[in-house]
Structures are given as C-alpha cells and as structure tokens.
C-alpha cells in the first residue's frame, strides 16, 4: 500500500527528515499526515498551507456579526466572495461595504447582516484562498516535538511499564491520542471558533 504525503502538511518531508533524523519512507509520511490532521482538528481549521480555494459555511450570526474563517490568513490578492443562501439557493452576494475582513486572524465582520431573517434556512458561504505561505515556527517546532514524542511512545520509551511477577513479560502503556500540554499551549493560539 502506497502512503501519500498530504498536500496540506504542517512540515515538509525534507525538514522532518533533517529535524527528526528519520529515514524517508512510510513511517515519516504517516507521522506528518497524523500531526497535520491533529493540528487541523484541534484548531478547527480547514487548511494549514495556502494555495487552495476554501469554502467556509456558517449560519448568519444572531447577535455578534462575526464569522471565523477556517483557513487563515486569508489571501486578499485572490477571489473573496460572501454569498447568502436561502433554502439552498444563492439569494445575495455581499459587497466590500457589507463586511470588514481581518485577513491575518481570519475574521469576517458583517456590517448590518447580523439578523438575516430565518436563521434555520439561511446560511453564508464564504469562498477564498487561505492558509500560511510559511507555517509559523512555533507550530512547526511543536509538530516536531509531538512527532518525536509519538515515536518514543510507540517504541515503548515513554509511558507506564509493567513487568510480570516472574519477569518474563513487559508491557508498556501510553496514550498516543492525547496531545501533550506543551503542544496544546502553542496550538491554542491558532484556534478558530
């Protein structure tokens, strides 16, 4: 089975090889894919790196007219559209005067569109290009730390060990699913809501 590196990796394979001293191959690819997916899930983002069109759907906010985009920063040099849909059909395309965009933080502030009729049948679809052209260093560093820790956990070097009473069997238990607090602290700053 061929394992393909994700097109939205948190770290390049070459950088991971150099920083982790791992051989290129399926194990490295799986580790990069895994940490990239965990970052996206933890932060609520849709993209890490830029270059692809993203669509974020949201219900129109009832009180606070702010929509958090799932791929920040937003590339303002590319197409950016905000459409209002009613019962599955586009009924309005907002213009620049209808919103303010905080491109770095990925927040869209709606001007006068905070009460858009029946919220259960209306939604916003925002189409844009977003993500980092260069992943921030602290994100890469935390990803490398997490990959290194998961490898050590897998190899039985980290976790709780128990030895049978006759010393014939050893078992090591560790919870690979938990994101270490030092990694979560870094990733917390990049969450989108």
N, C-alpha and C. Protein backbone atom coordinates (compact mmCIF):
# COMPACT_ATOMS: atom_id res chain seq x y z
N UNK A 1 0.84 -1.17 0.00
CA UNK A 1 0.00 0.00 0.00
C UNK A 1 0.89 1.24 0.00
N UNK A 2 0.64 2.10 -0.98
CA UNK A 2 1.41 3.34 -1.06
C UNK A 2 0.78 4.39 -0.15
N UNK A 3 1.62 5.05 0.60
CA UNK A 3 1.16 6.11 1.50
C UNK A 3 1.64 7.43 0.92
N UNK A 4 0.69 8.32 0.69
CA UNK A 4 0.98 9.60 0.06
C UNK A 4 0.98 10.71 1.09
N UNK A 5 1.95 11.60 0.98
CA UNK A 5 2.02 12.76 1.86
C UNK A 5 0.88 13.70 1.55
N UNK A 6 0.22 14.19 2.57
CA UNK A 6 -0.88 15.14 2.40
C UNK A 6 -0.40 16.38 1.65
N UNK A 7 -1.30 16.99 0.90
CA UNK A 7 -0.95 18.22 0.19
C UNK A 7 -0.99 19.43 1.13
N UNK A 8 -1.39 19.21 2.36
CA UNK A 8 -1.51 20.29 3.33
C UNK A 8 -0.73 19.94 4.60
N UNK A 9 0.55 19.66 4.43
CA UNK A 9 1.39 19.20 5.53
C UNK A 9 1.84 20.36 6.41
N UNK A 10 1.93 20.09 7.71
CA UNK A 10 2.36 21.07 8.68
C UNK A 10 3.89 21.29 8.60
N UNK A 11 4.59 20.29 8.07
CA UNK A 11 6.04 20.33 7.92
C UNK A 11 6.39 19.55 6.66
N UNK A 12 7.41 19.99 5.95
CA UNK A 12 7.82 19.27 4.75
C UNK A 12 8.55 17.99 5.14
N UNK A 13 8.54 17.03 4.24
CA UNK A 13 9.22 15.76 4.50
C UNK A 13 10.73 16.00 4.68
N UNK A 14 11.30 16.88 3.88
CA UNK A 14 12.74 17.17 3.98
C UNK A 14 13.08 17.77 5.35
N UNK A 15 12.25 18.71 5.82
CA UNK A 15 12.50 19.31 7.13
C UNK A 15 12.33 18.29 8.24
N UNK A 16 11.31 17.45 8.13
CA UNK A 16 11.09 16.42 9.15
C UNK A 16 12.26 15.44 9.19
N UNK A 17 12.75 15.04 8.02
CA UNK A 17 13.91 14.13 7.96
C UNK A 17 15.10 14.76 8.67
N UNK A 18 15.36 16.03 8.39
CA UNK A 18 16.52 16.71 8.97
C UNK A 18 16.35 16.94 10.47
N UNK A 19 15.17 17.39 10.89
CA UNK A 19 14.96 17.73 12.29
C UNK A 19 14.79 16.50 13.19
N UNK A 20 14.24 15.43 12.63
CA UNK A 20 13.96 14.23 13.43
C UNK A 20 14.99 13.12 13.21
N UNK A 21 15.85 13.29 12.21
CA UNK A 21 16.83 12.26 11.84
C UNK A 21 16.14 10.93 11.51
N UNK A 22 15.01 11.03 10.82
CA UNK A 22 14.28 9.83 10.37
C UNK A 22 14.62 9.57 8.92
N UNK A 23 14.55 8.33 8.56
CA UNK A 23 14.73 7.95 7.16
C UNK A 23 13.44 8.27 6.41
N UNK A 24 13.56 8.68 5.14
CA UNK A 24 12.34 8.90 4.36
C UNK A 24 11.61 7.56 4.17
N UNK A 25 10.30 7.64 4.12
CA UNK A 25 9.53 6.43 3.93
C UNK A 25 8.14 6.54 4.52
N UNK A 26 7.43 5.41 4.54
CA UNK A 26 6.03 5.42 5.00
C UNK A 26 5.85 5.88 6.45
N UNK A 27 6.78 5.53 7.34
CA UNK A 27 6.64 5.92 8.74
C UNK A 27 6.68 7.44 8.88
N UNK A 28 7.59 8.08 8.19
CA UNK A 28 7.70 9.54 8.23
C UNK A 28 6.46 10.18 7.62
N UNK A 29 6.00 9.65 6.49
CA UNK A 29 4.81 10.18 5.83
C UNK A 29 3.59 10.07 6.75
N UNK A 30 3.42 8.92 7.39
CA UNK A 30 2.31 8.74 8.31
C UNK A 30 2.39 9.70 9.49
N UNK A 31 3.58 9.91 10.01
CA UNK A 31 3.76 10.82 11.14
C UNK A 31 3.40 12.26 10.75
N UNK A 32 3.82 12.69 9.57
CA UNK A 32 3.50 14.05 9.11
C UNK A 32 1.99 14.17 8.88
N UNK A 33 1.40 13.18 8.21
CA UNK A 33 -0.04 13.22 7.96
C UNK A 33 -0.83 13.25 9.26
N UNK A 34 -0.39 12.45 10.22
CA UNK A 34 -1.10 12.36 11.50
C UNK A 34 -1.04 13.68 12.27
N UNK A 35 0.15 14.26 12.39
CA UNK A 35 0.27 15.52 13.16
C UNK A 35 -0.44 16.66 12.43
N UNK A 36 -0.45 16.64 11.10
CA UNK A 36 -1.16 17.67 10.34
C UNK A 36 -2.66 17.57 10.59
N UNK A 37 -3.20 16.35 10.55
CA UNK A 37 -4.63 16.14 10.79
C UNK A 37 -5.01 16.52 12.22
N UNK A 38 -4.15 16.18 13.17
CA UNK A 38 -4.44 16.53 14.57
C UNK A 38 -4.43 18.04 14.79
N UNK A 39 -3.52 18.74 14.11
CA UNK A 39 -3.49 20.19 14.21
C UNK A 39 -4.79 20.79 13.68
N UNK A 40 -5.22 20.32 12.51
CA UNK A 40 -6.46 20.83 11.92
C UNK A 40 -7.65 20.57 12.83
N UNK A 41 -7.73 19.37 13.38
CA UNK A 41 -8.85 19.02 14.26
C UNK A 41 -8.82 19.86 15.54
N UNK A 42 -7.65 20.00 16.14
CA UNK A 42 -7.52 20.74 17.39
C UNK A 42 -7.89 22.21 17.21
N UNK A 43 -7.43 22.80 16.10
CA UNK A 43 -7.61 24.23 15.90
C UNK A 43 -8.92 24.59 15.19
N UNK A 44 -9.59 23.62 14.59
CA UNK A 44 -10.82 23.90 13.87
C UNK A 44 -10.58 24.52 12.50
N UNK A 45 -9.36 24.43 12.01
CA UNK A 45 -9.03 25.00 10.71
C UNK A 45 -9.35 24.01 9.58
N UNK A 46 -9.45 24.54 8.36
CA UNK A 46 -9.63 23.70 7.19
C UNK A 46 -8.33 23.55 6.41
N UNK A 47 -7.44 24.50 6.49
CA UNK A 47 -6.17 24.48 5.75
C UNK A 47 -5.05 24.92 6.67
N UNK A 48 -3.86 24.37 6.39
CA UNK A 48 -2.64 24.82 7.06
C UNK A 48 -1.88 25.72 6.10
N UNK A 49 -1.66 25.22 4.89
CA UNK A 49 -0.88 25.96 3.90
C UNK A 49 -1.81 26.57 2.87
N UNK A 50 -1.31 27.60 2.19
CA UNK A 50 -2.14 28.31 1.22
C UNK A 50 -2.09 27.65 -0.15
N UNK A 51 -2.90 28.18 -1.03
CA UNK A 51 -2.85 27.73 -2.40
C UNK A 51 -4.09 27.03 -2.90
N UNK A 52 -5.07 26.80 -2.06
CA UNK A 52 -6.29 26.13 -2.49
C UNK A 52 -7.50 26.97 -2.12
N UNK A 53 -8.52 26.90 -2.96
CA UNK A 53 -9.76 27.60 -2.67
C UNK A 53 -10.48 26.87 -1.55
N UNK A 54 -10.94 27.62 -0.56
CA UNK A 54 -11.63 27.07 0.60
C UNK A 54 -13.03 27.66 0.64
N UNK A 55 -13.98 26.86 1.07
CA UNK A 55 -15.32 27.38 1.33
C UNK A 55 -15.65 27.14 2.78
N UNK A 56 -16.03 28.20 3.46
CA UNK A 56 -16.48 28.10 4.85
C UNK A 56 -17.96 28.41 4.86
N UNK A 57 -18.72 27.53 5.47
CA UNK A 57 -20.16 27.75 5.60
C UNK A 57 -20.46 28.11 7.04
N UNK A 58 -21.38 29.03 7.22
CA UNK A 58 -21.76 29.45 8.57
C UNK A 58 -23.20 29.91 8.57
N UNK A 59 -23.85 29.71 9.70
CA UNK A 59 -25.16 30.32 9.89
C UNK A 59 -24.92 31.79 10.14
N UNK A 60 -25.78 32.66 9.64
CA UNK A 60 -25.59 34.07 9.95
C UNK A 60 -25.65 34.28 11.46
N UNK A 61 -24.70 34.99 12.02
CA UNK A 61 -24.69 35.20 13.46
C UNK A 61 -25.94 35.94 13.92
N UNK A 62 -26.48 35.53 15.05
CA UNK A 62 -27.70 36.13 15.56
C UNK A 62 -27.42 37.47 16.24
N UNK A 63 -26.40 37.56 17.07
CA UNK A 63 -26.15 38.77 17.84
C UNK A 63 -24.84 39.44 17.42
N UNK A 64 -23.77 38.70 17.44
CA UNK A 64 -22.46 39.26 17.12
C UNK A 64 -22.15 38.95 15.66
N UNK A 65 -22.03 39.96 14.82
CA UNK A 65 -21.87 39.72 13.39
C UNK A 65 -20.44 39.37 12.98
N UNK A 66 -19.88 38.31 13.56
CA UNK A 66 -18.53 37.89 13.25
C UNK A 66 -18.54 36.43 12.81
N UNK A 67 -17.85 36.16 11.71
CA UNK A 67 -17.69 34.79 11.23
C UNK A 67 -16.20 34.48 11.25
N UNK A 68 -15.83 33.36 11.87
CA UNK A 68 -14.44 32.95 11.90
C UNK A 68 -14.17 32.04 10.71
N UNK A 69 -13.22 32.44 9.89
CA UNK A 69 -12.87 31.66 8.71
C UNK A 69 -11.92 30.54 9.11
N UNK A 70 -12.00 29.42 8.45
CA UNK A 70 -11.28 28.21 8.85
C UNK A 70 -9.93 28.02 8.18
N UNK A 71 -9.52 28.99 7.40
CA UNK A 71 -8.20 28.92 6.77
C UNK A 71 -7.62 30.32 6.77
N UNK A 72 -6.89 30.63 7.80
CA UNK A 72 -6.30 31.96 7.93
C UNK A 72 -4.78 31.82 7.90
N UNK A 73 -4.06 32.80 7.47
CA UNK A 73 -4.53 34.08 6.97
C UNK A 73 -5.18 33.96 5.59
N UNK A 74 -6.03 34.92 5.29
CA UNK A 74 -6.76 34.95 4.03
C UNK A 74 -5.91 35.69 3.00
N UNK A 75 -5.80 35.13 1.81
CA UNK A 75 -5.06 35.76 0.73
C UNK A 75 -5.96 36.80 0.07
N UNK A 76 -5.74 38.06 0.38
CA UNK A 76 -6.61 39.12 -0.13
C UNK A 76 -6.34 39.43 -1.60
N UNK A 77 -5.28 38.90 -2.16
CA UNK A 77 -5.00 39.10 -3.58
C UNK A 77 -5.79 38.16 -4.46
N UNK A 78 -6.46 37.21 -3.87
CA UNK A 78 -7.26 36.23 -4.61
C UNK A 78 -8.74 36.57 -4.46
N UNK A 79 -9.58 35.81 -5.13
CA UNK A 79 -11.02 36.00 -5.07
C UNK A 79 -11.53 35.78 -3.65
N UNK A 80 -12.41 36.66 -3.22
CA UNK A 80 -13.05 36.54 -1.91
C UNK A 80 -14.51 36.89 -2.11
N UNK A 81 -15.40 35.92 -1.90
CA UNK A 81 -16.83 36.18 -2.07
C UNK A 81 -17.60 35.69 -0.85
N UNK A 82 -18.65 36.43 -0.53
CA UNK A 82 -19.55 36.06 0.55
C UNK A 82 -20.96 36.02 -0.06
N UNK A 83 -21.56 34.85 -0.03
CA UNK A 83 -22.90 34.70 -0.57
C UNK A 83 -23.86 34.30 0.54
N UNK A 84 -25.07 34.81 0.46
CA UNK A 84 -26.13 34.44 1.38
C UNK A 84 -27.02 33.45 0.63
N UNK A 85 -27.23 32.30 1.25
CA UNK A 85 -28.09 31.26 0.67
C UNK A 85 -29.37 31.16 1.47
N UNK A 86 -30.47 30.97 0.77
CA UNK A 86 -31.78 30.76 1.39
C UNK A 86 -32.36 29.49 0.78
N UNK A 87 -32.68 28.52 1.61
CA UNK A 87 -33.27 27.25 1.14
C UNK A 87 -32.43 26.62 0.02
N UNK A 88 -31.11 26.68 0.15
CA UNK A 88 -30.21 26.02 -0.79
C UNK A 88 -29.86 26.82 -2.03
N UNK A 89 -30.39 28.02 -2.22
CA UNK A 89 -30.10 28.81 -3.40
C UNK A 89 -29.46 30.14 -2.99
N UNK A 90 -28.51 30.60 -3.80
CA UNK A 90 -27.87 31.88 -3.54
C UNK A 90 -28.87 33.00 -3.79
N UNK A 91 -29.05 33.86 -2.78
CA UNK A 91 -30.00 34.96 -2.92
C UNK A 91 -29.32 36.32 -2.91
N UNK A 92 -28.05 36.36 -2.48
CA UNK A 92 -27.36 37.64 -2.41
C UNK A 92 -25.86 37.41 -2.34
N UNK A 93 -25.10 38.24 -3.04
CA UNK A 93 -23.64 38.26 -2.91
C UNK A 93 -23.28 39.58 -2.24
N UNK A 94 -22.62 39.49 -1.12
CA UNK A 94 -22.27 40.70 -0.37
C UNK A 94 -21.14 41.44 -1.07
N UNK A 95 -21.14 42.77 -0.93
CA UNK A 95 -20.08 43.59 -1.50
C UNK A 95 -19.11 44.00 -0.39
N UNK A 96 -18.01 44.61 -0.78
CA UNK A 96 -16.99 45.04 0.19
C UNK A 96 -17.56 45.93 1.29
N UNK A 97 -18.59 46.70 0.99
CA UNK A 97 -19.17 47.59 2.01
C UNK A 97 -20.03 46.83 3.01
N UNK A 98 -20.36 45.58 2.71
CA UNK A 98 -21.19 44.77 3.62
C UNK A 98 -20.39 44.08 4.71
N UNK A 99 -19.06 44.10 4.60
CA UNK A 99 -18.23 43.40 5.58
C UNK A 99 -16.86 44.02 5.70
N UNK A 100 -16.20 43.73 6.81
CA UNK A 100 -14.79 44.07 7.01
C UNK A 100 -14.07 42.76 7.23
N UNK A 101 -12.91 42.62 6.63
CA UNK A 101 -12.15 41.38 6.71
C UNK A 101 -10.86 41.61 7.48
N UNK A 102 -10.66 40.82 8.51
CA UNK A 102 -9.37 40.79 9.21
C UNK A 102 -8.63 39.59 8.62
N UNK A 103 -7.79 39.86 7.63
CA UNK A 103 -7.20 38.77 6.87
C UNK A 103 -6.22 37.90 7.66
N UNK A 104 -5.44 38.48 8.55
CA UNK A 104 -4.46 37.69 9.30
C UNK A 104 -5.15 36.76 10.29
N UNK A 105 -6.10 37.27 11.03
CA UNK A 105 -6.82 36.46 12.01
C UNK A 105 -7.95 35.64 11.43
N UNK A 106 -8.33 35.93 10.18
CA UNK A 106 -9.39 35.17 9.55
C UNK A 106 -10.76 35.43 10.12
N UNK A 107 -11.03 36.70 10.42
CA UNK A 107 -12.37 37.04 10.93
C UNK A 107 -13.07 37.95 9.94
N UNK A 108 -14.35 37.67 9.74
CA UNK A 108 -15.18 38.44 8.85
C UNK A 108 -16.23 39.14 9.70
N UNK A 109 -16.25 40.46 9.66
CA UNK A 109 -17.21 41.25 10.42
C UNK A 109 -18.29 41.73 9.46
N UNK A 110 -19.52 41.31 9.69
CA UNK A 110 -20.63 41.67 8.82
C UNK A 110 -21.22 43.00 9.26
N UNK A 111 -21.40 43.90 8.33
CA UNK A 111 -21.96 45.21 8.62
C UNK A 111 -23.46 45.19 8.30
N UNK A 112 -24.30 45.12 9.33
CA UNK A 112 -25.73 45.16 9.12
C UNK A 112 -26.35 43.84 8.68
N UNK A 113 -25.60 42.76 8.73
CA UNK A 113 -26.16 41.47 8.32
C UNK A 113 -26.24 40.51 9.50
N UNK A 114 -26.39 41.03 10.71
CA UNK A 114 -26.44 40.15 11.86
C UNK A 114 -27.83 39.58 12.10
N UNK A 115 -28.84 40.10 11.47
CA UNK A 115 -30.16 39.49 11.58
C UNK A 115 -30.67 39.29 10.16
N UNK A 116 -30.45 38.12 9.63
CA UNK A 116 -30.73 37.85 8.23
C UNK A 116 -31.94 36.94 8.06
N UNK A 117 -33.02 37.28 8.71
CA UNK A 117 -34.24 36.51 8.53
C UNK A 117 -34.22 35.20 9.29
N UNK A 118 -34.86 34.21 8.76
CA UNK A 118 -34.97 32.91 9.40
C UNK A 118 -33.62 32.21 9.38
N UNK A 119 -32.95 32.13 10.50
CA UNK A 119 -31.60 31.57 10.57
C UNK A 119 -31.57 30.08 10.24
N UNK A 120 -32.70 29.39 10.41
CA UNK A 120 -32.69 27.95 10.16
C UNK A 120 -32.63 27.62 8.67
N UNK A 121 -32.98 28.57 7.81
CA UNK A 121 -32.97 28.30 6.38
C UNK A 121 -31.96 29.16 5.63
N UNK A 122 -31.27 30.05 6.32
CA UNK A 122 -30.27 30.92 5.68
C UNK A 122 -28.88 30.54 6.16
N UNK A 123 -27.93 30.64 5.26
CA UNK A 123 -26.53 30.38 5.63
C UNK A 123 -25.63 31.22 4.75
N UNK A 124 -24.40 31.41 5.21
CA UNK A 124 -23.39 32.13 4.45
C UNK A 124 -22.41 31.12 3.87
N UNK A 125 -21.97 31.37 2.66
CA UNK A 125 -20.90 30.57 2.06
C UNK A 125 -19.82 31.57 1.66
N UNK A 126 -18.65 31.42 2.28
CA UNK A 126 -17.53 32.32 2.02
C UNK A 126 -16.48 31.52 1.25
N UNK A 127 -16.13 32.00 0.06
CA UNK A 127 -15.13 31.33 -0.78
C UNK A 127 -13.88 32.19 -0.84
N UNK A 128 -12.73 31.59 -0.57
CA UNK A 128 -11.49 32.35 -0.50
C UNK A 128 -10.30 31.41 -0.54
N UNK A 129 -9.13 31.98 -0.74
CA UNK A 129 -7.88 31.24 -0.63
C UNK A 129 -7.26 31.61 0.70
N UNK A 130 -6.90 30.60 1.49
CA UNK A 130 -6.36 30.89 2.80
C UNK A 130 -5.33 29.87 3.23
N UNK A 131 -4.64 30.19 4.29
CA UNK A 131 -3.59 29.33 4.82
C UNK A 131 -2.25 30.07 4.79
N UNK A 132 -1.29 29.51 5.48
CA UNK A 132 0.02 30.16 5.55
C UNK A 132 0.88 29.82 4.34
N UNK A 133 1.61 30.81 3.83
CA UNK A 133 2.62 30.51 2.81
C UNK A 133 3.84 29.89 3.49
N UNK A 134 4.11 30.30 4.72
CA UNK A 134 5.14 29.70 5.56
C UNK A 134 4.51 29.42 6.92
N UNK A 135 4.51 28.16 7.32
CA UNK A 135 3.92 27.78 8.60
C UNK A 135 4.75 28.42 9.72
N UNK A 136 4.10 29.05 10.71
CA UNK A 136 4.85 29.69 11.80
C UNK A 136 5.81 28.71 12.50
N UNK A 137 6.95 29.23 12.89
CA UNK A 137 7.99 28.40 13.50
C UNK A 137 7.54 27.66 14.75
N UNK A 138 6.73 28.32 15.59
CA UNK A 138 6.30 27.65 16.81
C UNK A 138 5.36 26.48 16.51
N UNK A 139 4.60 26.58 15.42
CA UNK A 139 3.73 25.47 15.02
C UNK A 139 4.58 24.29 14.52
N UNK A 140 5.59 24.59 13.71
CA UNK A 140 6.48 23.54 13.21
C UNK A 140 7.23 22.89 14.37
N UNK A 141 7.76 23.71 15.27
CA UNK A 141 8.51 23.18 16.41
C UNK A 141 7.63 22.27 17.28
N UNK A 142 6.40 22.68 17.52
CA UNK A 142 5.51 21.85 18.33
C UNK A 142 5.13 20.57 17.60
N UNK A 143 4.99 20.64 16.28
CA UNK A 143 4.69 19.44 15.50
C UNK A 143 5.86 18.45 15.55
N UNK A 144 7.07 18.95 15.46
CA UNK A 144 8.25 18.09 15.55
C UNK A 144 8.32 17.44 16.93
N UNK A 145 8.06 18.21 17.97
CA UNK A 145 8.05 17.68 19.34
C UNK A 145 7.01 16.56 19.47
N UNK A 146 5.82 16.81 18.94
CA UNK A 146 4.73 15.82 19.00
C UNK A 146 5.07 14.56 18.23
N UNK A 147 5.66 14.70 17.04
CA UNK A 147 6.05 13.54 16.23
C UNK A 147 7.13 12.73 16.96
N UNK A 148 8.09 13.42 17.53
CA UNK A 148 9.17 12.75 18.26
C UNK A 148 8.61 11.99 19.48
N UNK A 149 7.70 12.64 20.21
CA UNK A 149 7.10 12.01 21.37
C UNK A 149 6.27 10.78 20.98
N UNK A 150 5.49 10.89 19.91
CA UNK A 150 4.69 9.75 19.48
C UNK A 150 5.56 8.57 19.06
N UNK A 151 6.70 8.85 18.45
CA UNK A 151 7.61 7.76 18.08
C UNK A 151 8.18 7.09 19.33
N UNK A 152 8.54 7.90 20.30
CA UNK A 152 9.07 7.34 21.55
C UNK A 152 7.99 6.54 22.29
N UNK A 153 6.76 7.02 22.26
CA UNK A 153 5.66 6.27 22.87
C UNK A 153 5.48 4.93 22.17
N UNK A 154 5.49 4.96 20.85
CA UNK A 154 5.32 3.73 20.07
C UNK A 154 6.43 2.73 20.35
N UNK A 155 7.63 3.22 20.51
CA UNK A 155 8.78 2.35 20.76
C UNK A 155 8.89 1.91 22.22
N UNK A 156 7.94 2.32 23.06
CA UNK A 156 7.93 1.91 24.46
C UNK A 156 8.88 2.66 25.35
N UNK A 157 9.38 3.81 24.87
CA UNK A 157 10.33 4.59 25.65
C UNK A 157 9.64 5.61 26.56
N UNK A 158 8.36 5.85 26.33
CA UNK A 158 7.60 6.80 27.14
C UNK A 158 6.29 6.12 27.50
N UNK A 159 5.89 6.21 28.75
CA UNK A 159 4.64 5.61 29.20
C UNK A 159 4.86 4.78 30.44
N UNK A 160 3.80 4.18 30.91
CA UNK A 160 3.87 3.34 32.11
C UNK A 160 4.22 1.91 31.70
N UNK A 161 5.22 1.31 32.36
CA UNK A 161 5.62 -0.06 32.07
C UNK A 161 5.29 -0.96 33.24
N UNK A 162 4.95 -2.18 32.93
CA UNK A 162 4.73 -3.16 33.99
C UNK A 162 5.45 -4.45 33.61
N UNK A 163 6.00 -5.10 34.59
CA UNK A 163 6.74 -6.34 34.39
C UNK A 163 6.02 -7.44 35.17
N UNK A 164 5.88 -8.59 34.53
CA UNK A 164 5.19 -9.70 35.20
C UNK A 164 5.99 -10.15 36.42
N UNK A 165 5.30 -10.82 37.35
CA UNK A 165 5.96 -11.22 38.61
C UNK A 165 7.14 -12.16 38.39
N UNK A 166 7.13 -12.92 37.31
CA UNK A 166 8.27 -13.80 37.06
C UNK A 166 9.25 -13.20 36.05
N UNK A 167 9.07 -11.92 35.75
CA UNK A 167 9.95 -11.15 34.87
C UNK A 167 10.05 -11.71 33.45
N UNK A 168 9.01 -12.40 33.01
CA UNK A 168 9.06 -12.95 31.66
C UNK A 168 8.36 -12.07 30.63
N UNK A 169 7.54 -11.13 31.08
CA UNK A 169 6.82 -10.28 30.14
C UNK A 169 6.82 -8.84 30.62
N UNK A 170 6.94 -7.92 29.66
CA UNK A 170 6.89 -6.50 29.95
C UNK A 170 5.85 -5.86 29.03
N UNK A 171 5.06 -4.98 29.58
CA UNK A 171 4.07 -4.25 28.77
C UNK A 171 4.22 -2.77 29.05
N UNK A 172 4.16 -1.97 27.99
CA UNK A 172 4.22 -0.53 28.13
C UNK A 172 2.93 0.06 27.60
N UNK A 173 2.32 0.91 28.38
CA UNK A 173 1.06 1.54 28.01
C UNK A 173 1.28 3.04 27.94
N UNK A 174 0.87 3.64 26.84
CA UNK A 174 0.90 5.09 26.75
C UNK A 174 -0.27 5.52 25.90
N UNK A 175 -0.76 6.70 26.15
CA UNK A 175 -1.91 7.20 25.44
C UNK A 175 -1.45 8.11 24.31
N UNK A 176 -1.33 7.55 23.11
CA UNK A 176 -0.85 8.33 21.97
C UNK A 176 -1.86 9.39 21.55
N UNK A 177 -3.13 9.17 21.87
CA UNK A 177 -4.18 10.09 21.45
C UNK A 177 -4.12 11.45 22.11
N UNK A 178 -3.54 11.55 23.28
CA UNK A 178 -3.52 12.83 23.98
C UNK A 178 -2.46 13.76 23.40
N UNK A 179 -2.87 14.98 23.18
CA UNK A 179 -1.91 15.99 22.74
C UNK A 179 -1.21 16.51 23.98
N UNK A 180 0.11 16.49 23.99
CA UNK A 180 0.84 16.96 25.18
C UNK A 180 0.51 18.43 25.47
N UNK A 181 0.47 18.80 26.75
CA UNK A 181 0.12 20.18 27.12
C UNK A 181 1.01 21.22 26.47
N UNK A 182 2.28 20.95 26.32
CA UNK A 182 3.18 21.94 25.73
C UNK A 182 2.88 22.17 24.25
N UNK A 183 2.35 21.15 23.57
CA UNK A 183 1.93 21.30 22.18
C UNK A 183 0.58 22.01 22.13
N UNK A 184 -0.34 21.59 22.98
CA UNK A 184 -1.67 22.21 23.03
C UNK A 184 -1.58 23.71 23.35
N UNK A 185 -0.63 24.10 24.19
CA UNK A 185 -0.45 25.51 24.53
C UNK A 185 -0.11 26.34 23.29
N UNK A 186 0.75 25.80 22.44
CA UNK A 186 1.12 26.51 21.21
C UNK A 186 -0.06 26.54 20.25
N UNK A 187 -0.69 25.39 20.04
CA UNK A 187 -1.77 25.28 19.07
C UNK A 187 -2.99 26.09 19.48
N UNK A 188 -3.18 26.29 20.77
CA UNK A 188 -4.34 27.04 21.27
C UNK A 188 -4.41 28.43 20.65
N UNK A 189 -3.27 29.06 20.46
CA UNK A 189 -3.23 30.41 19.90
C UNK A 189 -3.71 30.45 18.45
N UNK A 190 -3.76 29.31 17.77
CA UNK A 190 -4.15 29.25 16.37
C UNK A 190 -5.55 28.69 16.16
N UNK A 191 -6.30 28.52 17.25
CA UNK A 191 -7.67 28.02 17.13
C UNK A 191 -8.55 29.05 16.46
N UNK A 192 -9.51 28.55 15.67
CA UNK A 192 -10.54 29.42 15.11
C UNK A 192 -11.87 28.91 15.65
N UNK A 193 -12.78 29.82 15.88
CA UNK A 193 -14.04 29.45 16.54
C UNK A 193 -15.22 29.58 15.62
